[in-house]
Amino acid sequence: MKCVEVYKELYHQEPYGVAFCPYRISPLGAHIDHQYGKINGLAINKGIHMAYHPKHNGVVELQSLNFPKRAQFFVNAVPEEKEGDWADHLRGAAKMLSEKYRLKVGLSGIIEGSLPIGGLSSSAAVIICFLSALCKVNGIHLEPMEMILTAKAAENQYVGVSCGKLDQSCEVLSKKNHLLYLDTKDDSYELIPTNETMKPYKVAIFFSGLERSLKNSKYNLRQDECKAAAYALMGYAGMDYDTFANTRLRDVPFEIFESYKDRLPELWRRRAEHYYSEFARAENGAELWRKGDLEGYGQLVFESGKSSIYSYECGCDELKKLYEIMTDTDGIYGGRFSGAGFKGCCMALIDPNKAEEIEAKVGAEYLKAFPELEGKYSFHLCESADGVEL
């Protein structure tokens, strides 16, 4: 790993350890975790590595191989306000952890991402990777849900991204050759083993060549639109409701939506339509996975992608083109944007025996449409993996 080599060159010593957190994909359950929906997820065998060594003076000193500027701060004196760079995720993680545990030991580290940034929850992965190392040098053990909520709080309260629990849950709870089926309302989950009758598959990642940051996208706005739809529906139906901040579409039965949807502004109605249809796809997908029906499951993933484009209205021209190409490519069972869809990448479940043909066809058609992305677009073949080791 390059992070180990760079660490040795910079610090003239072997790292104490190498932390790793996998990236994730969520074939079904897109954009509904923040509304307390249900999701399907898999961790993949690519992710964030960090070579590190404890610093007993309490200083955190980190460098990323993917971003310029070294980050430095005291582990027990994190700046109250974010600084607007990549290391805000790490400052937020240290701050959230220090609210519950006394931190004395800092660390020096080199962080390396094994895939391009965008759509695979690299922000959650770098937070969890860092937290796992920080806990180790301070003798702290976090239970899975504690890790998930600490990492989520770092993004929500410090970085300013109103994400749900999807990313963190997939990266912590996943198990190789199992599908994570999670209810984000009560955190109940099931790890559904891959049925022995299921056709073989691998995870293909088609990186658009455009990196993205949720801070500058319409990610937070989409959540407000979902909440506004829920708030209005509850008002029309005469339901008891809480504050706007505590309102979710999960609070509104589908029958209420059906009765009052025509009274909603069109944009709010479409956001709600995506929520209810995606909730059903996540439930149906879990059962199809259980049965080993990869074709049926893949069709739901394609439907999810379509709903994200037309009802949730995310996705730039590049990702929409990738989605369109995938729907017309032999050997792809199903695919969609990965993540929020504001740049980044697409993921697909594919027949591993047709990987080379898929790589060639999708790449050729995509670069024909966007020749300026030659050298930036890339294809990566991955497998399911275990979540982070706590």
Protein backbone atom coordinates (compact mmCIF):
# COMPACT_ATOMS: atom_id res chain seq x y z
CA MET A 1 0.00 0.00 0.00
CA LYS A 2 1.27 3.42 -0.93
CA CYS A 3 0.16 4.94 2.40
CA VAL A 4 2.61 2.64 4.24
CA GLU A 5 5.48 3.55 1.92
CA VAL A 6 4.80 7.27 2.27
CA TYR A 7 4.47 6.95 6.04
CA LYS A 8 7.89 5.30 6.30
CA GLU A 9 9.47 7.91 4.03
CA LEU A 10 7.98 10.82 5.96
CA TYR A 11 8.35 9.61 9.54
CA HIS A 12 11.34 7.25 9.21
CA GLN A 13 9.58 4.48 11.13
CA GLU A 14 7.17 1.62 10.55
CA PRO A 15 3.52 2.55 11.16
CA TYR A 16 1.97 1.19 14.36
CA GLY A 17 -0.95 -0.13 12.33
CA VAL A 18 -3.01 0.19 9.16
CA ALA A 19 -6.73 0.90 9.58
CA PHE A 20 -9.17 0.04 6.79
CA CYS A 21 -12.80 0.87 6.11
CA PRO A 22 -14.54 -0.42 2.97
CA TYR A 23 -16.60 1.64 0.58
CA ARG A 24 -20.23 0.68 0.14
CA ILE A 25 -22.92 0.37 -2.50
CA SER A 26 -26.65 0.50 -1.86
CA PRO A 27 -28.45 -1.16 -4.77
CA LEU A 28 -31.89 -0.39 -3.26
CA GLY A 29 -33.07 2.13 -0.70
CA ALA A 30 -31.54 5.16 -2.41
CA HIS A 31 -32.33 8.59 -0.92
CA ILE A 32 -34.76 7.28 1.72
CA ASP A 33 -32.57 6.58 4.75
CA HIS A 34 -32.97 10.19 5.89
CA GLN A 35 -36.75 9.60 5.79
CA TYR A 36 -36.30 6.47 7.97
CA GLY A 37 -36.82 4.08 5.08
CA LYS A 38 -35.41 0.59 4.53
CA ILE A 39 -32.22 -0.07 2.59
CA ASN A 40 -30.21 -2.86 0.95
CA GLY A 41 -26.44 -2.54 1.09
CA LEU A 42 -23.09 -4.22 0.50
CA ALA A 43 -19.57 -3.28 1.54
CA ILE A 44 -17.00 -3.78 -1.23
CA ASN A 45 -13.35 -4.84 -1.14
CA LYS A 46 -12.07 -1.34 -1.92
CA GLY A 47 -11.92 1.50 0.56
CA ILE A 48 -9.87 3.82 2.74
CA HIS A 49 -6.53 2.73 4.25
CA MET A 50 -4.67 4.73 6.86
CA ALA A 51 -1.13 3.98 8.04
CA TYR A 52 -0.77 5.53 11.50
CA HIS A 53 1.24 5.78 14.70
CA PRO A 54 0.16 7.11 18.12
CA LYS A 55 1.31 10.58 19.25
CA HIS A 56 1.29 10.86 23.03
CA ASN A 57 1.34 14.67 22.96
CA GLY A 58 -2.30 14.61 21.78
CA VAL A 59 -1.62 15.99 18.32
CA VAL A 60 -3.43 14.64 15.28
CA GLU A 61 -1.33 15.06 12.14
CA LEU A 62 -2.79 13.66 8.95
CA GLN A 63 -2.03 13.78 5.27
CA SER A 64 -4.16 12.45 2.41
CA LEU A 65 -2.71 11.06 -0.80
CA ASN A 66 -5.89 12.30 -2.51
CA PHE A 67 -5.95 15.91 -1.27
CA PRO A 68 -3.36 18.65 -0.66
CA LYS A 69 -2.68 20.27 2.73
CA ARG A 70 -1.72 18.44 5.90
CA ALA A 71 -4.24 18.60 8.75
CA GLN A 72 -3.07 19.23 12.30
CA PHE A 73 -5.07 19.73 15.50
CA PHE A 74 -5.14 18.66 19.15
CA VAL A 75 -7.36 15.64 19.72
CA ASN A 76 -8.91 17.20 22.84
CA ALA A 77 -9.17 20.75 21.43
CA VAL A 78 -10.84 20.47 18.02
CA PRO A 79 -11.77 23.84 16.44
CA GLU A 80 -15.42 24.67 17.08
CA GLU A 81 -16.01 25.69 13.46
CA LYS A 82 -15.16 23.67 10.36
CA GLU A 83 -12.33 24.96 8.19
CA GLY A 84 -13.75 24.03 4.79
CA ASP A 85 -11.21 21.38 3.76
CA TRP A 86 -11.11 17.59 3.48
CA ALA A 87 -10.00 17.21 7.12
CA ASP A 88 -13.28 18.62 8.51
CA HIS A 89 -14.54 15.03 8.46
CA LEU A 90 -11.69 14.02 10.78
CA ARG A 91 -12.04 17.03 13.06
CA GLY A 92 -15.76 16.30 13.33
CA ALA A 93 -15.06 12.65 14.13
CA ALA A 94 -12.60 13.56 16.91
CA LYS A 95 -15.01 16.14 18.31
CA MET A 96 -17.95 13.73 18.42
CA LEU A 97 -15.85 10.97 20.00
CA SER A 98 -14.43 13.36 22.61
CA GLU A 99 -17.92 14.30 23.77
CA LYS A 100 -18.31 10.78 25.13
CA TYR A 101 -14.75 9.59 25.81
CA ARG A 102 -11.64 11.24 27.18
CA LEU A 103 -9.04 11.39 24.42
CA LYS A 104 -5.39 11.76 25.37
CA VAL A 105 -3.50 10.18 22.49
CA GLY A 106 -3.36 11.66 19.00
CA LEU A 107 -1.83 10.09 15.92
CA SER A 108 0.16 10.75 12.79
CA GLY A 109 -1.22 9.16 9.67
CA ILE A 110 -1.27 8.89 5.89
CA ILE A 111 -4.69 8.30 4.31
CA GLU A 112 -5.19 6.60 0.95
CA GLY A 113 -8.37 5.94 -1.01
CA SER A 114 -8.31 2.98 -3.40
CA LEU A 115 -10.98 4.34 -5.80
CA PRO A 116 -11.83 7.80 -7.15
CA ILE A 117 -14.01 9.96 -4.90
CA GLY A 118 -17.76 10.25 -5.41
CA GLY A 119 -20.73 7.95 -4.88
CA LEU A 120 -19.19 5.23 -2.69
CA SER A 121 -19.47 7.08 0.64
CA SER A 122 -15.77 7.88 0.86
CA SER A 123 -16.55 10.59 3.42
CA ALA A 124 -18.15 8.08 5.78
CA ALA A 125 -15.34 5.60 5.10
CA VAL A 126 -12.58 8.09 5.95
CA ILE A 127 -14.38 9.05 9.17
CA ILE A 128 -14.84 5.43 10.25
CA CYS A 129 -11.28 4.50 9.27
CA PHE A 130 -9.94 7.42 11.33
CA LEU A 131 -12.26 6.67 14.27
CA SER A 132 -11.16 3.03 14.38
CA ALA A 133 -7.49 4.12 14.61
CA LEU A 134 -8.20 6.87 17.14
CA CYS A 135 -10.13 4.42 19.32
CA LYS A 136 -7.32 1.89 19.14
CA VAL A 137 -4.58 4.28 20.30
CA ASN A 138 -6.84 5.53 23.13
CA GLY A 139 -7.96 2.07 24.27
CA ILE A 140 -11.62 2.67 23.35
CA HIS A 141 -13.97 0.02 21.95
CA LEU A 142 -17.09 1.21 20.13
CA GLU A 143 -20.01 -1.12 19.54
CA PRO A 144 -21.26 -1.16 15.92
CA MET A 145 -24.23 1.20 16.43
CA GLU A 146 -22.08 3.54 18.51
CA MET A 147 -19.57 3.76 15.65
CA ILE A 148 -22.37 4.38 13.14
CA LEU A 149 -23.92 7.19 15.17
CA THR A 150 -20.59 8.83 16.01
CA ALA A 151 -19.61 8.88 12.33
CA LYS A 152 -23.06 10.17 11.31
CA ALA A 153 -22.89 12.94 13.93
CA ALA A 154 -19.54 14.07 12.52
CA GLU A 155 -21.15 14.67 9.11
CA ASN A 156 -24.46 16.08 10.41
CA GLN A 157 -23.25 18.33 13.20
CA TYR A 158 -19.76 19.35 12.10
CA VAL A 159 -19.41 19.01 8.33
CA GLY A 160 -22.99 20.08 7.67
CA VAL A 161 -24.25 17.22 5.49
CA SER A 162 -27.71 15.97 6.52
CA CYS A 163 -26.99 12.32 5.69
CA GLY A 164 -28.90 9.40 7.13
CA LYS A 165 -27.39 6.16 8.43
CA LEU A 166 -27.13 4.27 5.15
CA ASP A 167 -23.43 4.82 4.43
CA GLN A 168 -22.13 4.20 7.93
CA SER A 169 -24.37 1.17 8.47
CA CYS A 170 -23.22 -0.52 5.26
CA GLU A 171 -19.56 0.10 6.09
CA VAL A 172 -19.86 -1.20 9.66
CA LEU A 173 -22.51 -3.95 9.59
CA SER A 174 -21.92 -5.63 6.22
CA LYS A 175 -20.67 -9.19 5.88
CA LYS A 176 -19.05 -10.75 2.82
CA ASN A 177 -21.49 -12.68 0.60
CA HIS A 178 -24.48 -11.27 2.51
CA LEU A 179 -26.96 -8.49 1.72
CA LEU A 180 -27.52 -5.98 4.52
CA TYR A 181 -31.25 -5.33 4.96
CA LEU A 182 -31.65 -2.43 7.37
CA ASP A 183 -34.60 -0.49 8.75
CA THR A 184 -33.20 2.97 9.48
CA LYS A 185 -36.14 3.85 11.72
CA ASP A 186 -35.32 1.39 14.51
CA ASP A 187 -31.88 0.15 13.33
CA SER A 188 -33.08 -3.45 13.12
CA TYR A 189 -31.27 -5.35 10.42
CA GLU A 190 -30.74 -8.71 8.80
CA LEU A 191 -27.73 -10.10 6.94
CA ILE A 192 -29.25 -12.20 4.15
CA PRO A 193 -26.80 -14.83 2.85
CA THR A 194 -26.34 -15.12 -0.89
CA ASN A 195 -28.53 -18.03 -1.93
CA GLU A 196 -26.48 -20.98 -3.23
CA THR A 197 -28.74 -21.06 -6.29
CA MET A 198 -27.96 -17.44 -7.21
CA LYS A 199 -25.94 -16.84 -10.34
CA PRO A 200 -22.42 -15.52 -9.71
CA TYR A 201 -22.04 -11.76 -9.69
CA LYS A 202 -19.48 -9.04 -9.15
CA VAL A 203 -19.86 -5.33 -8.47
CA ALA A 204 -18.81 -3.03 -11.30
CA ILE A 205 -18.06 0.62 -10.59
CA PHE A 206 -18.20 3.06 -13.51
CA PHE A 207 -16.61 6.30 -12.36
CA SER A 208 -17.88 9.21 -14.42
CA GLY A 209 -14.67 11.20 -14.14
CA LEU A 210 -16.46 13.93 -12.16
CA GLU A 211 -15.74 14.13 -8.44
CA ARG A 212 -18.37 15.66 -6.24
CA SER A 213 -19.01 17.04 -2.80
CA LEU A 214 -22.42 16.75 -1.14
CA LYS A 215 -21.82 20.07 0.62
CA ASN A 216 -22.24 21.90 -2.69
CA SER A 217 -25.03 19.79 -4.20
CA LYS A 218 -28.81 19.77 -3.78
CA TYR A 219 -28.50 16.84 -1.35
CA ASN A 220 -29.77 18.76 1.68
CA LEU A 221 -32.51 20.49 -0.36
CA ARG A 222 -33.95 17.14 -1.47
CA GLN A 223 -34.33 16.14 2.17
CA ASP A 224 -36.20 19.35 2.95
CA GLU A 225 -38.53 18.66 0.02
CA CYS A 226 -39.28 15.18 1.41
CA LYS A 227 -39.97 16.62 4.86
CA ALA A 228 -42.17 19.35 3.37
CA ALA A 229 -44.23 16.69 1.59
CA ALA A 230 -44.61 14.73 4.82
CA TYR A 231 -45.55 17.86 6.78
CA ALA A 232 -48.17 18.89 4.25
CA LEU A 233 -49.68 15.39 4.01
CA MET A 234 -50.00 15.18 7.79
CA GLY A 235 -51.70 18.57 7.83
CA TYR A 236 -54.16 17.63 5.07
CA ALA A 237 -55.02 14.36 6.84
CA GLY A 238 -55.41 15.97 10.26
CA MET A 239 -52.62 13.83 11.72
CA ASP A 240 -50.71 14.88 14.81
CA TYR A 241 -47.30 16.18 13.84
CA ASP A 242 -44.06 17.22 15.48
CA THR A 243 -41.63 19.97 14.46
CA PHE A 244 -40.53 20.17 10.82
CA ALA A 245 -37.06 18.93 11.81
CA ASN A 246 -38.56 15.78 13.33
CA THR A 247 -40.92 14.98 10.46
CA ARG A 248 -40.27 12.12 8.03
CA LEU A 249 -42.21 10.45 5.24
CA ARG A 250 -42.01 7.22 7.26
CA ASP A 251 -44.52 8.88 9.61
CA VAL A 252 -47.09 9.11 6.81
CA PRO A 253 -48.92 5.91 5.74
CA PHE A 254 -48.97 5.23 2.00
CA GLU A 255 -52.79 5.44 2.04
CA ILE A 256 -52.58 9.05 3.26
CA PHE A 257 -50.20 9.87 0.42
CA GLU A 258 -52.55 8.29 -2.11
CA SER A 259 -55.50 10.29 -0.75
CA TYR A 260 -53.82 13.70 -0.71
CA LYS A 261 -50.95 13.53 -3.22
CA ASP A 262 -52.78 15.64 -5.81
CA ARG A 263 -52.82 18.55 -3.35
CA LEU A 264 -49.04 18.60 -3.08
CA PRO A 265 -46.83 20.86 -5.22
CA GLU A 266 -45.54 18.73 -8.08
CA LEU A 267 -41.92 18.63 -6.87
CA TRP A 268 -42.89 17.52 -3.36
CA ARG A 269 -45.23 14.88 -4.82
CA ARG A 270 -42.46 13.45 -6.98
CA ARG A 271 -40.04 13.26 -4.05
CA ALA A 272 -42.68 11.39 -2.04
CA GLU A 273 -43.42 9.07 -4.99
CA HIS A 274 -39.75 8.12 -5.03
CA TYR A 275 -39.79 7.44 -1.29
CA TYR A 276 -42.82 5.12 -1.33
CA SER A 277 -41.77 3.24 -4.47
CA GLU A 278 -38.17 2.87 -3.25
CA PHE A 279 -39.34 1.62 0.15
CA ALA A 280 -41.32 -1.11 -1.63
CA ARG A 281 -38.33 -1.97 -3.86
CA ALA A 282 -36.07 -2.37 -0.82
CA GLU A 283 -38.58 -4.75 0.79
CA ASN A 284 -39.16 -6.73 -2.41
CA GLY A 285 -35.44 -6.80 -3.18
CA ALA A 286 -34.62 -8.42 0.14
CA GLU A 287 -37.02 -11.25 -0.63
CA LEU A 288 -35.68 -11.73 -4.16
CA TRP A 289 -32.11 -11.88 -2.78
CA ARG A 290 -33.24 -14.45 -0.25
CA LYS A 291 -34.63 -16.58 -3.10
CA GLY A 292 -31.52 -16.14 -5.25
CA ASP A 293 -33.37 -14.30 -8.04
CA LEU A 294 -30.57 -12.05 -9.31
CA GLU A 295 -32.40 -11.13 -12.53
CA GLY A 296 -35.46 -9.97 -10.62
CA TYR A 297 -33.31 -8.12 -8.13
CA GLY A 298 -31.38 -6.40 -10.89
CA GLN A 299 -34.58 -5.24 -12.56
CA LEU A 300 -35.56 -3.50 -9.31
CA VAL A 301 -32.17 -1.78 -9.25
CA PHE A 302 -32.75 -0.44 -12.77
CA GLU A 303 -36.22 0.78 -11.68
CA SER A 304 -34.62 2.48 -8.69
CA GLY A 305 -32.23 4.32 -11.00
CA LYS A 306 -35.10 5.49 -13.18
CA SER A 307 -37.02 6.78 -10.16
CA SER A 308 -33.94 8.64 -8.96
CA ILE A 309 -33.75 10.45 -12.30
CA TYR A 310 -37.42 11.26 -12.84
CA SER A 311 -39.00 11.43 -9.37
CA TYR A 312 -36.11 12.36 -7.08
CA GLU A 313 -34.45 14.38 -9.85
CA CYS A 314 -30.80 13.81 -9.12
CA GLY A 315 -28.05 12.89 -11.52
CA CYS A 316 -25.96 14.96 -13.88
CA ASP A 317 -25.90 14.39 -17.65
CA GLU A 318 -22.84 12.14 -17.38
CA LEU A 319 -24.40 9.77 -14.85
CA LYS A 320 -27.68 9.69 -16.73
CA LYS A 321 -25.76 8.63 -19.84
CA LEU A 322 -23.96 5.88 -17.91
CA TYR A 323 -27.31 4.66 -16.59
CA GLU A 324 -28.78 4.65 -20.09
CA ILE A 325 -25.82 2.65 -21.44
CA MET A 326 -26.03 0.13 -18.58
CA THR A 327 -29.70 -0.60 -19.27
CA ASP A 328 -28.73 -1.65 -22.79
CA THR A 329 -25.65 -3.73 -21.97
CA ASP A 330 -25.72 -7.52 -21.95
CA GLY A 331 -24.43 -9.07 -18.73
CA ILE A 332 -25.52 -6.25 -16.43
CA TYR A 333 -28.26 -7.54 -14.12
CA GLY A 334 -29.05 -4.10 -12.74
CA GLY A 335 -27.41 -0.77 -12.02
CA ARG A 336 -27.97 2.82 -10.92
CA PHE A 337 -26.18 5.90 -9.61
CA SER A 338 -24.16 5.10 -6.53
CA GLY A 339 -24.77 7.60 -3.76
CA ALA A 340 -26.57 10.88 -4.18
CA GLY A 341 -26.10 11.02 -7.94
CA PHE A 342 -24.71 14.57 -8.11
CA LYS A 343 -21.63 13.49 -10.13
CA GLY A 344 -19.58 10.52 -8.86
CA CYS A 345 -20.21 7.03 -10.23
CA CYS A 346 -22.67 4.31 -11.17
CA MET A 347 -22.65 0.79 -9.77
CA ALA A 348 -23.92 -2.42 -11.32
CA LEU A 349 -24.30 -6.07 -10.43
CA ILE A 350 -22.82 -7.94 -13.39
CA ASP A 351 -22.07 -11.39 -14.76
CA PRO A 352 -18.33 -11.81 -14.01
CA ASN A 353 -17.90 -13.88 -17.18
CA LYS A 354 -18.86 -10.84 -19.27
CA ALA A 355 -16.82 -8.25 -17.34
CA GLU A 356 -14.38 -7.54 -20.18
CA GLU A 357 -17.12 -7.03 -22.76
CA ILE A 358 -19.06 -4.82 -20.33
CA GLU A 359 -15.99 -2.72 -19.57
CA ALA A 360 -15.27 -2.24 -23.29
CA LYS A 361 -18.84 -1.44 -24.37
CA VAL A 362 -19.72 0.98 -21.56
CA GLY A 363 -16.37 2.77 -21.78
CA ALA A 364 -16.55 3.18 -25.56
CA GLU A 365 -20.12 4.52 -25.59
CA TYR A 366 -19.59 6.81 -22.62
CA LEU A 367 -16.40 8.37 -23.97
CA LYS A 368 -18.03 8.80 -27.37
CA ALA A 369 -20.61 10.99 -25.63
CA PHE A 370 -18.07 12.74 -23.38
CA PRO A 371 -14.65 12.59 -25.10
CA GLU A 372 -13.28 15.29 -22.78
CA LEU A 373 -13.39 12.77 -19.92
CA GLU A 374 -10.86 10.44 -21.57
CA GLY A 375 -8.29 9.61 -18.90
CA LYS A 376 -10.66 10.57 -16.08
CA TYR A 377 -13.40 7.96 -16.60
CA SER A 378 -12.54 4.56 -15.14
CA PHE A 379 -13.95 1.05 -14.60
CA HIS A 380 -13.38 -1.02 -11.46
CA LEU A 381 -14.41 -4.59 -10.66
CA CYS A 382 -15.13 -5.33 -6.99
CA GLU A 383 -16.56 -8.01 -4.72
CA SER A 384 -18.64 -7.93 -1.56
CA ALA A 385 -16.68 -7.60 1.67
CA ASP A 386 -16.92 -7.50 5.45
CA GLY A 387 -17.56 -4.19 7.18
CA VAL A 388 -14.90 -2.40 9.22
CA GLU A 389 -13.18 -4.40 11.94
CA LEU A 390 -13.92 -2.70 15.27
